[in-house]
Amino acid sequence: MNGQEDTRGARVLISKITKSVDLHVSVGVDTDELIRVLETYVPGGARLRLAMRDGQELVFRFERI
């Protein structure tokens, strides 16, 4: 991943090459914050490719179609 941004309870990694977005969300993050991060960093035409739990985080990978 080429870029990383930290938000309240979420970490966003964005690949400048593939345009994929990895979203790492702390378990228990506020729902409003999760929605804000999704709206801000995940492109509208993205497809969810991966959802898993990694320790105390939920990990989502989105890729452009």
Protein backbone atom coordinates (compact mmCIF):
# COMPACT_ATOMS: atom_id res chain seq x y z
CA MET A 1 0.00 0.00 0.00
CA ASN A 2 1.25 3.44 -0.83
CA GLY A 3 -0.80 5.76 1.35
CA GLN A 4 -2.13 5.52 4.88
CA GLU A 5 -4.52 7.70 6.82
CA ASP A 6 -5.56 7.32 10.44
CA THR A 7 -9.00 8.30 11.59
CA ARG A 8 -10.81 7.85 14.89
CA GLY A 9 -10.92 4.07 15.26
CA ALA A 10 -10.06 3.28 11.66
CA ARG A 11 -6.92 3.02 9.56
CA VAL A 12 -7.14 3.40 5.80
CA LEU A 13 -4.47 2.12 3.39
CA ILE A 14 -4.83 3.14 -0.25
CA SER A 15 -2.84 1.61 -3.12
CA LYS A 16 -1.98 4.24 -5.71
CA ILE A 17 -1.21 1.49 -8.23
CA THR A 18 -4.29 -0.75 -8.00
CA LYS A 19 -6.58 1.83 -6.32
CA SER A 20 -7.61 -0.81 -3.78
CA VAL A 21 -8.56 0.37 -0.30
CA ASP A 22 -7.85 -1.58 2.89
CA LEU A 23 -9.97 -0.41 5.80
CA HIS A 24 -8.91 -1.55 9.29
CA VAL A 25 -11.61 -0.76 11.85
CA SER A 26 -11.18 -1.14 15.59
CA VAL A 27 -13.78 -3.41 17.14
CA GLY A 28 -16.37 -1.17 18.76
CA VAL A 29 -15.81 1.87 16.51
CA ASP A 30 -18.75 4.27 16.39
CA THR A 31 -21.18 3.50 13.55
CA ASP A 32 -21.25 7.12 12.40
CA GLU A 33 -17.45 7.15 12.15
CA LEU A 34 -17.48 3.94 10.12
CA ILE A 35 -20.02 5.39 7.68
CA ARG A 36 -17.99 8.61 7.37
CA VAL A 37 -14.80 6.68 6.59
CA LEU A 38 -16.58 4.49 4.00
CA GLU A 39 -18.06 7.55 2.28
CA THR A 40 -14.73 9.38 2.29
CA TYR A 41 -12.26 6.70 1.23
CA VAL A 42 -14.10 3.91 -0.61
CA PRO A 43 -14.91 4.71 -4.26
CA GLY A 44 -18.56 4.42 -5.26
CA GLY A 45 -17.94 1.63 -7.77
CA ALA A 46 -15.78 -0.46 -5.45
CA ARG A 47 -16.42 -4.12 -4.71
CA LEU A 48 -15.85 -5.71 -1.31
CA ARG A 49 -13.19 -8.39 -1.84
CA LEU A 50 -12.26 -9.35 1.71
CA ALA A 51 -13.76 -9.12 5.17
CA MET A 52 -12.00 -10.66 8.15
CA ARG A 53 -11.08 -10.14 11.78
CA ASP A 54 -7.44 -9.48 12.67
CA GLY A 55 -6.98 -9.28 16.43
CA GLN A 56 -8.99 -6.30 17.65
CA GLU A 57 -9.67 -5.01 14.13
CA LEU A 58 -12.09 -5.79 11.34
CA VAL A 59 -10.38 -5.64 7.94
CA PHE A 60 -12.22 -4.82 4.72
CA ARG A 61 -10.58 -4.71 1.28
CA PHE A 62 -12.36 -2.88 -1.51
CA GLU A 63 -11.26 -2.95 -5.16
CA ARG A 64 -12.41 -0.96 -8.13
CA ILE A 65 -14.50 -2.86 -10.64
